[in-house]
């Protein structure tokens, strides 16, 4: 569970609702036709812009924004070094029992190919393709959310224009101008709120998630290649610590000196 996302969404909604209640009733800001224009228009524009298959990815990625558990890079590196030590002492077949303990499908598949004696070039090619496909999938996801973040305010303005046209059509009755103007402006409010509190931040969060997952996959790629090549675990450790932040490396050096 991503605590930061939940805190952000809850506090954002809470602040908006509290601000509304301080000035007037919440009912004044509820308008079904406005929601239909913004919500329906945003979805319709997204369906026009993207294939249906890619659009349905949004559902899974939406959940990923809130629920996302990724192994820390330093834990992956430790696991790879342990497997490398075992393979160096007992040969590649000795790590076969470790495959069942690996939860990550990408990692387990790469280790299985290594144990099966697949050529290093074949393992490299397959792993690179999987990394590339995942990155493309994630890119489509955060691009869709980004697009929805631009569509929502646009449809908010469209709804406002519809409301203004309806208001101008009844200028002969001054008593209706105020209420109709208020309804017209609510659509813009919906578009701006949905875009800036949900779609745009979610696009940014998914991009970060993609970078984090790609980092882990690249660490696994480097590690498996090293194990298959029979490199010394110390060389593997030097290669993998490059992926850690400089601050983390400094912490590790400090611990090793003690």
C-alpha atoms as a PDB file:
ATOM      1  CA  UNK A   1       0.000   0.000   0.000  1.00  0.00           C
ATOM      2  CA  UNK A   2       1.428   3.364  -1.054  1.00  0.00           C
ATOM      3  CA  UNK A   3       0.860   5.581   1.985  1.00  0.00           C
ATOM      4  CA  UNK A   4       1.944   8.784   0.223  1.00  0.00           C
ATOM      5  CA  UNK A   5      -0.675   8.374  -2.526  1.00  0.00           C
ATOM      6  CA  UNK A   6      -3.454   7.641  -0.045  1.00  0.00           C
ATOM      7  CA  UNK A   7      -2.496  10.609   2.159  1.00  0.00           C
ATOM      8  CA  UNK A   8      -2.344  12.865  -0.898  1.00  0.00           C
ATOM      9  CA  UNK A   9      -5.744  11.830  -2.267  1.00  0.00           C
ATOM     10  CA  UNK A  10      -7.524  11.890   1.101  1.00  0.00           C
ATOM     11  CA  UNK A  11      -6.015  15.219   2.171  1.00  0.00           C
ATOM     12  CA  UNK A  12      -6.669  16.758  -1.253  1.00  0.00           C
ATOM     13  CA  UNK A  13     -10.333  15.758  -1.249  1.00  0.00           C
ATOM     14  CA  UNK A  14     -10.655  16.700   2.415  1.00  0.00           C
ATOM     15  CA  UNK A  15      -9.260  20.200   1.903  1.00  0.00           C
ATOM     16  CA  UNK A  16     -11.532  20.879  -1.074  1.00  0.00           C
ATOM     17  CA  UNK A  17     -14.638  19.610   0.739  1.00  0.00           C
ATOM     18  CA  UNK A  18     -13.738  21.546   3.907  1.00  0.00           C
ATOM     19  CA  UNK A  19     -13.239  24.741   1.904  1.00  0.00           C
ATOM     20  CA  UNK A  20     -16.635  24.301   0.244  1.00  0.00           C
ATOM     21  CA  UNK A  21     -18.386  23.660   3.561  1.00  0.00           C
ATOM     22  CA  UNK A  22     -16.833  26.772   5.077  1.00  0.00           C
ATOM     23  CA  UNK A  23     -18.380  28.947   2.395  1.00  0.00           C
ATOM     24  CA  UNK A  24     -21.620  27.211   1.438  1.00  0.00           C
ATOM     25  CA  UNK A  25     -23.413  23.881   1.272  1.00  0.00           C
ATOM     26  CA  UNK A  26     -21.898  20.896  -0.539  1.00  0.00           C
ATOM     27  CA  UNK A  27     -25.075  20.447  -2.574  1.00  0.00           C
ATOM     28  CA  UNK A  28     -24.291  23.597  -4.539  1.00  0.00           C
ATOM     29  CA  UNK A  29     -21.259  21.839  -6.047  1.00  0.00           C
ATOM     30  CA  UNK A  30     -23.036  18.650  -7.066  1.00  0.00           C
ATOM     31  CA  UNK A  31     -24.271  18.669 -10.645  1.00  0.00           C
ATOM     32  CA  UNK A  32     -24.844  15.398 -12.511  1.00  0.00           C
ATOM     33  CA  UNK A  33     -24.868  16.839 -16.080  1.00  0.00           C
ATOM     34  CA  UNK A  34     -21.519  18.534 -15.396  1.00  0.00           C
ATOM     35  CA  UNK A  35     -20.034  15.256 -14.164  1.00  0.00           C
ATOM     36  CA  UNK A  36     -21.354  13.494 -17.258  1.00  0.00           C
ATOM     37  CA  UNK A  37     -19.725  16.039 -19.575  1.00  0.00           C
ATOM     38  CA  UNK A  38     -16.333  15.940 -17.834  1.00  0.00           C
ATOM     39  CA  UNK A  39     -16.203  12.221 -16.992  1.00  0.00           C
ATOM     40  CA  UNK A  40     -17.880  10.931 -20.126  1.00  0.00           C
ATOM     41  CA  UNK A  41     -16.060  13.340 -22.410  1.00  0.00           C
ATOM     42  CA  UNK A  42     -12.666  12.443 -20.932  1.00  0.00           C
ATOM     43  CA  UNK A  43     -13.287   8.708 -21.356  1.00  0.00           C
ATOM     44  CA  UNK A  44     -14.629   9.203 -24.894  1.00  0.00           C
ATOM     45  CA  UNK A  45     -11.607  11.274 -25.959  1.00  0.00           C
ATOM     46  CA  UNK A  46      -9.250   8.687 -24.443  1.00  0.00           C
ATOM     47  CA  UNK A  47     -10.975   5.875 -26.355  1.00  0.00           C
ATOM     48  CA  UNK A  48     -10.557   7.855 -29.571  1.00  0.00           C
ATOM     49  CA  UNK A  49      -6.863   8.458 -28.862  1.00  0.00           C
ATOM     50  CA  UNK A  50      -5.880   4.939 -27.713  1.00  0.00           C
ATOM     51  CA  UNK A  51      -6.758   1.345 -28.704  1.00  0.00           C
ATOM     52  CA  UNK A  52      -9.276  -0.411 -26.452  1.00  0.00           C
ATOM     53  CA  UNK A  53      -6.649  -2.926 -25.307  1.00  0.00           C
ATOM     54  CA  UNK A  54      -4.386  -0.150 -24.046  1.00  0.00           C
ATOM     55  CA  UNK A  55      -7.275   1.739 -22.455  1.00  0.00           C
ATOM     56  CA  UNK A  56      -8.143  -1.266 -20.271  1.00  0.00           C
ATOM     57  CA  UNK A  57      -4.562  -1.274 -18.959  1.00  0.00           C
ATOM     58  CA  UNK A  58      -5.566   1.848 -17.033  1.00  0.00           C
ATOM     59  CA  UNK A  59      -7.669  -0.208 -14.602  1.00  0.00           C
ATOM     60  CA  UNK A  60      -4.741  -2.359 -13.508  1.00  0.00           C
ATOM     61  CA  UNK A  61      -2.354   0.582 -13.432  1.00  0.00           C
ATOM     62  CA  UNK A  62      -4.847   2.625 -11.388  1.00  0.00           C
ATOM     63  CA  UNK A  63      -4.688  -0.074  -8.711  1.00  0.00           C
ATOM     64  CA  UNK A  64      -0.890  -0.097  -9.005  1.00  0.00           C
ATOM     65  CA  UNK A  65      -0.793   3.581  -8.002  1.00  0.00           C
ATOM     66  CA  UNK A  66      -2.258   2.667  -4.603  1.00  0.00           C
ATOM     67  CA  UNK A  67      -1.015  -0.898  -4.110  1.00  0.00           C
ATOM     68  CA  UNK A  68       2.571  -1.454  -5.159  1.00  0.00           C
ATOM     69  CA  UNK A  69       5.195  -3.563  -3.441  1.00  0.00           C
ATOM     70  CA  UNK A  70       8.662  -3.665  -4.955  1.00  0.00           C
ATOM     71  CA  UNK A  71      11.744  -5.419  -3.623  1.00  0.00           C
ATOM     72  CA  UNK A  72      14.436  -2.967  -2.571  1.00  0.00           C
ATOM     73  CA  UNK A  73      17.407  -2.881  -4.994  1.00  0.00           C
ATOM     74  CA  UNK A  74      19.854  -3.584  -2.154  1.00  0.00           C
ATOM     75  CA  UNK A  75      17.901  -6.744  -1.214  1.00  0.00           C
ATOM     76  CA  UNK A  76      18.013  -7.927  -4.832  1.00  0.00           C
ATOM     77  CA  UNK A  77      21.758  -7.308  -4.976  1.00  0.00           C
ATOM     78  CA  UNK A  78      22.304  -9.315  -1.775  1.00  0.00           C
ATOM     79  CA  UNK A  79      20.232 -12.190  -3.170  1.00  0.00           C
ATOM     80  CA  UNK A  80      22.149 -12.165  -6.460  1.00  0.00           C
ATOM     81  CA  UNK A  81      25.513 -12.167  -4.676  1.00  0.00           C
ATOM     82  CA  UNK A  82      24.418 -15.117  -2.499  1.00  0.00           C
ATOM     83  CA  UNK A  83      23.344 -17.079  -5.589  1.00  0.00           C
ATOM     84  CA  UNK A  84      26.580 -16.113  -7.355  1.00  0.00           C
ATOM     85  CA  UNK A  85      28.655 -17.443  -4.436  1.00  0.00           C
ATOM     86  CA  UNK A  86      26.695 -20.688  -4.470  1.00  0.00           C
ATOM     87  CA  UNK A  87      27.063 -21.101  -8.247  1.00  0.00           C
ATOM     88  CA  UNK A  88      30.800 -20.429  -8.087  1.00  0.00           C
ATOM     89  CA  UNK A  89      31.335 -23.094  -5.429  1.00  0.00           C
ATOM     90  CA  UNK A  90      28.927 -25.791  -6.622  1.00  0.00           C
ATOM     91  CA  UNK A  91      28.333 -24.987 -10.287  1.00  0.00           C
ATOM     92  CA  UNK A  92      25.217 -23.664 -12.022  1.00  0.00           C
ATOM     93  CA  UNK A  93      23.154 -26.776 -11.223  1.00  0.00           C
ATOM     94  CA  UNK A  94      23.580 -26.078  -7.497  1.00  0.00           C
ATOM     95  CA  UNK A  95      21.312 -23.016  -7.723  1.00  0.00           C
ATOM     96  CA  UNK A  96      18.349 -24.959  -9.131  1.00  0.00           C
ATOM     97  CA  UNK A  97      16.769 -25.228  -5.668  1.00  0.00           C
ATOM     98  CA  UNK A  98      16.871 -21.423  -5.341  1.00  0.00           C
ATOM     99  CA  UNK A  99      14.548 -20.946  -8.333  1.00  0.00           C
ATOM    100  CA  UNK A 100      11.489 -22.142  -6.390  1.00  0.00           C
ATOM    101  CA  UNK A 101      12.257 -19.580  -3.668  1.00  0.00           C
ATOM    102  CA  UNK A 102      12.284 -16.678  -6.129  1.00  0.00           C
ATOM    103  CA  UNK A 103       8.906 -14.900  -6.297  1.00  0.00           C
ATOM    104  CA  UNK A 104       9.739 -12.622  -9.219  1.00  0.00           C
ATOM    105  CA  UNK A 105       8.708 -14.334 -12.489  1.00  0.00           C
ATOM    106  CA  UNK A 106      11.314 -12.463 -14.554  1.00  0.00           C
ATOM    107  CA  UNK A 107      14.116 -13.452 -12.164  1.00  0.00           C
ATOM    108  CA  UNK A 108      12.975 -17.076 -11.868  1.00  0.00           C
ATOM    109  CA  UNK A 109      12.746 -17.492 -15.643  1.00  0.00           C
ATOM    110  CA  UNK A 110      16.248 -16.076 -16.128  1.00  0.00           C
ATOM    111  CA  UNK A 111      17.708 -18.384 -13.467  1.00  0.00           C
ATOM    112  CA  UNK A 112      15.952 -21.393 -15.008  1.00  0.00           C
ATOM    113  CA  UNK A 113      17.465 -20.621 -18.418  1.00  0.00           C
ATOM    114  CA  UNK A 114      20.864 -20.298 -16.742  1.00  0.00           C
ATOM    115  CA  UNK A 115      20.545 -23.675 -15.010  1.00  0.00           C
ATOM    116  CA  UNK A 116      19.307 -25.262 -18.251  1.00  0.00           C
ATOM    117  CA  UNK A 117      22.552 -24.188 -19.900  1.00  0.00           C
ATOM    118  CA  UNK A 118      21.075 -21.699 -22.350  1.00  0.00           C
ATOM    119  CA  UNK A 119      23.591 -19.620 -24.271  1.00  0.00           C
ATOM    120  CA  UNK A 120      24.425 -16.301 -22.653  1.00  0.00           C
ATOM    121  CA  UNK A 121      23.386 -14.489 -25.841  1.00  0.00           C
ATOM    122  CA  UNK A 122      19.939 -16.131 -25.785  1.00  0.00           C
ATOM    123  CA  UNK A 123      19.385 -15.288 -22.117  1.00  0.00           C
ATOM    124  CA  UNK A 124      20.464 -11.706 -22.754  1.00  0.00           C
ATOM    125  CA  UNK A 125      18.161 -11.341 -25.757  1.00  0.00           C
ATOM    126  CA  UNK A 126      15.083 -12.697 -23.941  1.00  0.00           C
ATOM    127  CA  UNK A 127      15.666 -10.620 -20.804  1.00  0.00           C
ATOM    128  CA  UNK A 128      16.215  -7.428 -22.799  1.00  0.00           C
ATOM    129  CA  UNK A 129      12.991  -8.003 -24.746  1.00  0.00           C
ATOM    130  CA  UNK A 130      11.017  -8.492 -21.521  1.00  0.00           C
ATOM    131  CA  UNK A 131      12.465  -5.297 -20.033  1.00  0.00           C
ATOM    132  CA  UNK A 132      11.653  -3.381 -23.212  1.00  0.00           C
ATOM    133  CA  UNK A 133       8.063  -4.702 -23.332  1.00  0.00           C
ATOM    134  CA  UNK A 134       7.447  -3.788 -19.694  1.00  0.00           C
ATOM    135  CA  UNK A 135       8.806  -0.274 -20.234  1.00  0.00           C
ATOM    136  CA  UNK A 136       6.547   0.198 -23.280  1.00  0.00           C
ATOM    137  CA  UNK A 137       3.520  -1.032 -21.317  1.00  0.00           C
ATOM    138  CA  UNK A 138       4.250   1.350 -18.462  1.00  0.00           C
ATOM    139  CA  UNK A 139       4.859   4.236 -20.842  1.00  0.00           C
ATOM    140  CA  UNK A 140       1.446   3.730 -22.434  1.00  0.00           C
ATOM    141  CA  UNK A 141      -0.087   3.730 -18.950  1.00  0.00           C
ATOM    142  CA  UNK A 142       1.359   7.005 -17.722  1.00  0.00           C
ATOM    143  CA  UNK A 143       0.803   8.622 -21.112  1.00  0.00           C
ATOM    144  CA  UNK A 144      -2.907   7.701 -20.969  1.00  0.00           C
ATOM    145  CA  UNK A 145      -3.260   9.229 -17.506  1.00  0.00           C
ATOM    146  CA  UNK A 146      -1.397  12.311 -18.721  1.00  0.00           C
ATOM    147  CA  UNK A 147      -3.732  12.609 -21.704  1.00  0.00           C
ATOM    148  CA  UNK A 148      -6.776  12.267 -19.462  1.00  0.00           C
ATOM    149  CA  UNK A 149      -5.302  15.038 -17.341  1.00  0.00           C
ATOM    150  CA  UNK A 150      -5.367  17.329 -20.370  1.00  0.00           C
ATOM    151  CA  UNK A 151      -8.786  16.197 -21.631  1.00  0.00           C
ATOM    152  CA  UNK A 152     -10.651  16.747 -18.340  1.00  0.00           C
ATOM    153  CA  UNK A 153     -10.103  20.547 -18.096  1.00  0.00           C
ATOM    154  CA  UNK A 154     -10.933  20.891 -21.808  1.00  0.00           C
ATOM    155  CA  UNK A 155     -14.287  19.180 -21.322  1.00  0.00           C
ATOM    156  CA  UNK A 156     -14.782  21.300 -18.228  1.00  0.00           C
ATOM    157  CA  UNK A 157     -14.546  24.368 -20.456  1.00  0.00           C
ATOM    158  CA  UNK A 158     -16.907  22.783 -22.994  1.00  0.00           C
ATOM    159  CA  UNK A 159     -19.442  22.231 -20.229  1.00  0.00           C
ATOM    160  CA  UNK A 160     -19.044  25.820 -19.094  1.00  0.00           C
ATOM    161  CA  UNK A 161     -19.654  27.069 -22.641  1.00  0.00           C
ATOM    162  CA  UNK A 162     -22.806  24.948 -22.847  1.00  0.00           C
ATOM    163  CA  UNK A 163     -23.990  26.471 -19.588  1.00  0.00           C
ATOM    164  CA  UNK A 164     -23.213  30.003 -20.775  1.00  0.00           C
ATOM    165  CA  UNK A 165     -25.160  29.468 -23.999  1.00  0.00           C
ATOM    166  CA  UNK A 166     -28.141  28.257 -21.981  1.00  0.00           C
ATOM    167  CA  UNK A 167     -27.807  31.240 -19.656  1.00  0.00           C
ATOM    168  CA  UNK A 168     -27.624  33.778 -22.496  1.00  0.00           C
ATOM    169  CA  UNK A 169     -30.730  32.245 -24.037  1.00  0.00           C
ATOM    170  CA  UNK A 170     -32.719  33.286 -20.947  1.00  0.00           C
ATOM    171  CA  UNK A 171     -31.369  36.808 -20.361  1.00  0.00           C
ATOM    172  CA  UNK A 172     -34.914  38.117 -20.379  1.00  0.00           C
ATOM    173  CA  UNK A 173     -35.291  36.592 -16.899  1.00  0.00           C
ATOM    174  CA  UNK A 174     -32.541  38.154 -14.700  1.00  0.00           C
ATOM    175  CA  UNK A 175     -33.422  35.915 -11.761  1.00  0.00           C
ATOM    176  CA  UNK A 176     -32.030  32.851 -13.583  1.00  0.00           C
ATOM    177  CA  UNK A 177     -28.663  34.378 -14.526  1.00  0.00           C
ATOM    178  CA  UNK A 178     -26.962  33.769 -11.162  1.00  0.00           C
ATOM    179  CA  UNK A 179     -27.943  30.108 -10.699  1.00  0.00           C
ATOM    180  CA  UNK A 180     -27.197  29.205 -14.331  1.00  0.00           C
ATOM    181  CA  UNK A 181     -23.811  30.945 -14.200  1.00  0.00           C
ATOM    182  CA  UNK A 182     -22.963  28.957 -11.067  1.00  0.00           C
ATOM    183  CA  UNK A 183     -23.879  25.666 -12.752  1.00  0.00           C
ATOM    184  CA  UNK A 184     -21.834  26.629 -15.819  1.00  0.00           C
ATOM    185  CA  UNK A 185     -18.729  27.267 -13.699  1.00  0.00           C
ATOM    186  CA  UNK A 186     -19.040  23.966 -11.809  1.00  0.00           C
ATOM    187  CA  UNK A 187     -18.083  22.020 -14.951  1.00  0.00           C
ATOM    188  CA  UNK A 188     -14.763  23.875 -15.145  1.00  0.00           C
ATOM    189  CA  UNK A 189     -14.279  23.150 -11.436  1.00  0.00           C
ATOM    190  CA  UNK A 190     -14.822  19.411 -12.000  1.00  0.00           C
ATOM    191  CA  UNK A 191     -12.392  19.305 -14.910  1.00  0.00           C
ATOM    192  CA  UNK A 192      -9.634  21.158 -13.050  1.00  0.00           C
ATOM    193  CA  UNK A 193     -10.107  19.113  -9.870  1.00  0.00           C
ATOM    194  CA  UNK A 194     -10.127  15.694 -11.537  1.00  0.00           C
ATOM    195  CA  UNK A 195      -7.117  16.535 -13.707  1.00  0.00           C
ATOM    196  CA  UNK A 196      -4.928  18.054 -10.997  1.00  0.00           C
ATOM    197  CA  UNK A 197      -5.860  15.808  -8.082  1.00  0.00           C
ATOM    198  CA  UNK A 198      -6.045  12.468  -9.907  1.00  0.00           C
ATOM    199  CA  UNK A 199      -4.924  12.084 -13.527  1.00  0.00           C
ATOM    200  CA  UNK A 200      -1.783  14.262 -13.653  1.00  0.00           C
ATOM    201  CA  UNK A 201      -0.379  13.124 -10.261  1.00  0.00           C
ATOM    202  CA  UNK A 202      -1.153   9.489 -11.124  1.00  0.00           C
ATOM    203  CA  UNK A 203       0.690   9.855 -14.414  1.00  0.00           C
ATOM    204  CA  UNK A 204       3.732  11.149 -12.526  1.00  0.00           C
ATOM    205  CA  UNK A 205       3.506   8.358  -9.932  1.00  0.00           C
ATOM    206  CA  UNK A 206       3.266   5.654 -12.616  1.00  0.00           C
ATOM    207  CA  UNK A 207       6.343   7.078 -14.327  1.00  0.00           C
ATOM    208  CA  UNK A 208       8.248   6.775 -11.047  1.00  0.00           C
ATOM    209  CA  UNK A 209       6.937   3.222 -10.568  1.00  0.00           C
ATOM    210  CA  UNK A 210       8.135   2.338 -14.076  1.00  0.00           C
ATOM    211  CA  UNK A 211      11.610   3.699 -13.369  1.00  0.00           C
ATOM    212  CA  UNK A 212      11.806   1.756 -10.089  1.00  0.00           C
ATOM    213  CA  UNK A 213      10.712  -1.516 -11.695  1.00  0.00           C
ATOM    214  CA  UNK A 214      13.048  -1.003 -14.659  1.00  0.00           C
ATOM    215  CA  UNK A 215      15.932  -0.438 -12.228  1.00  0.00           C
ATOM    216  CA  UNK A 216      15.231  -3.758 -10.508  1.00  0.00           C
ATOM    217  CA  UNK A 217      14.975  -5.592 -13.822  1.00  0.00           C
ATOM    218  CA  UNK A 218      18.284  -4.128 -14.995  1.00  0.00           C
ATOM    219  CA  UNK A 219      19.908  -5.209 -11.730  1.00  0.00           C
ATOM    220  CA  UNK A 220      18.566  -8.734 -12.275  1.00  0.00           C
ATOM    221  CA  UNK A 221      19.756  -8.697 -15.884  1.00  0.00           C
ATOM    222  CA  UNK A 222      23.275  -7.676 -14.872  1.00  0.00           C
ATOM    223  CA  UNK A 223      23.318 -10.239 -12.071  1.00  0.00           C
ATOM    224  CA  UNK A 224      22.131 -13.205 -14.133  1.00  0.00           C
ATOM    225  CA  UNK A 225      24.550 -12.360 -16.942  1.00  0.00           C
ATOM    226  CA  UNK A 226      27.410 -12.317 -14.437  1.00  0.00           C
ATOM    227  CA  UNK A 227      26.348 -15.622 -12.859  1.00  0.00           C
ATOM    228  CA  UNK A 228      26.018 -17.286 -16.279  1.00  0.00           C
ATOM    229  CA  UNK A 229      29.462 -16.000 -17.289  1.00  0.00           C
ATOM    230  CA  UNK A 230      30.973 -17.385 -14.077  1.00  0.00           C
ATOM    231  CA  UNK A 231      32.302 -14.042 -12.864  1.00  0.00           C
ATOM    232  CA  UNK A 232      33.602 -13.647  -9.325  1.00  0.00           C
ATOM    233  CA  UNK A 233      30.925 -12.486  -6.830  1.00  0.00           C
ATOM    234  CA  UNK A 234      33.077  -9.479  -5.908  1.00  0.00           C
ATOM    235  CA  UNK A 235      33.054  -8.298  -9.524  1.00  0.00           C
ATOM    236  CA  UNK A 236      29.280  -8.772  -9.555  1.00  0.00           C
ATOM    237  CA  UNK A 237      28.946  -6.732  -6.364  1.00  0.00           C
ATOM    238  CA  UNK A 238      31.005  -3.898  -7.870  1.00  0.00           C
ATOM    239  CA  UNK A 239      28.806  -3.913 -10.976  1.00  0.00           C
ATOM    240  CA  UNK A 240      25.530  -3.905  -9.065  1.00  0.00           C
ATOM    241  CA  UNK A 241      26.373  -1.281  -6.448  1.00  0.00           C
ATOM    242  CA  UNK A 242      26.578   1.209  -9.321  1.00  0.00           C
ATOM    243  CA  UNK A 243      22.774   1.015  -9.437  1.00  0.00           C
ATOM    244  CA  UNK A 244      22.469   2.174  -5.850  1.00  0.00           C
ATOM    245  CA  UNK A 245      22.390   5.856  -4.991  1.00  0.00           C
ATOM    246  CA  UNK A 246      25.662   7.393  -3.848  1.00  0.00           C
ATOM    247  CA  UNK A 247      24.193   7.967  -0.385  1.00  0.00           C
ATOM    248  CA  UNK A 248      23.326   4.287  -0.061  1.00  0.00           C
ATOM    249  CA  UNK A 249      26.790   3.245  -1.202  1.00  0.00           C
ATOM    250  CA  UNK A 250      28.322   5.541   1.399  1.00  0.00           C
ATOM    251  CA  UNK A 251      26.160   3.945   4.096  1.00  0.00           C
ATOM    252  CA  UNK A 252      27.261   0.477   3.002  1.00  0.00           C
ATOM    253  CA  UNK A 253      30.927   1.501   3.037  1.00  0.00           C
ATOM    254  CA  UNK A 254      30.515   2.902   6.536  1.00  0.00           C
ATOM    255  CA  UNK A 255      28.985  -0.347   7.764  1.00  0.00           C
ATOM    256  CA  UNK A 256      31.732  -2.469   6.150  1.00  0.00           C
ATOM    257  CA  UNK A 257      34.466  -0.421   7.865  1.00  0.00           C
ATOM    258  CA  UNK A 258      32.892  -1.144  11.237  1.00  0.00           C
END
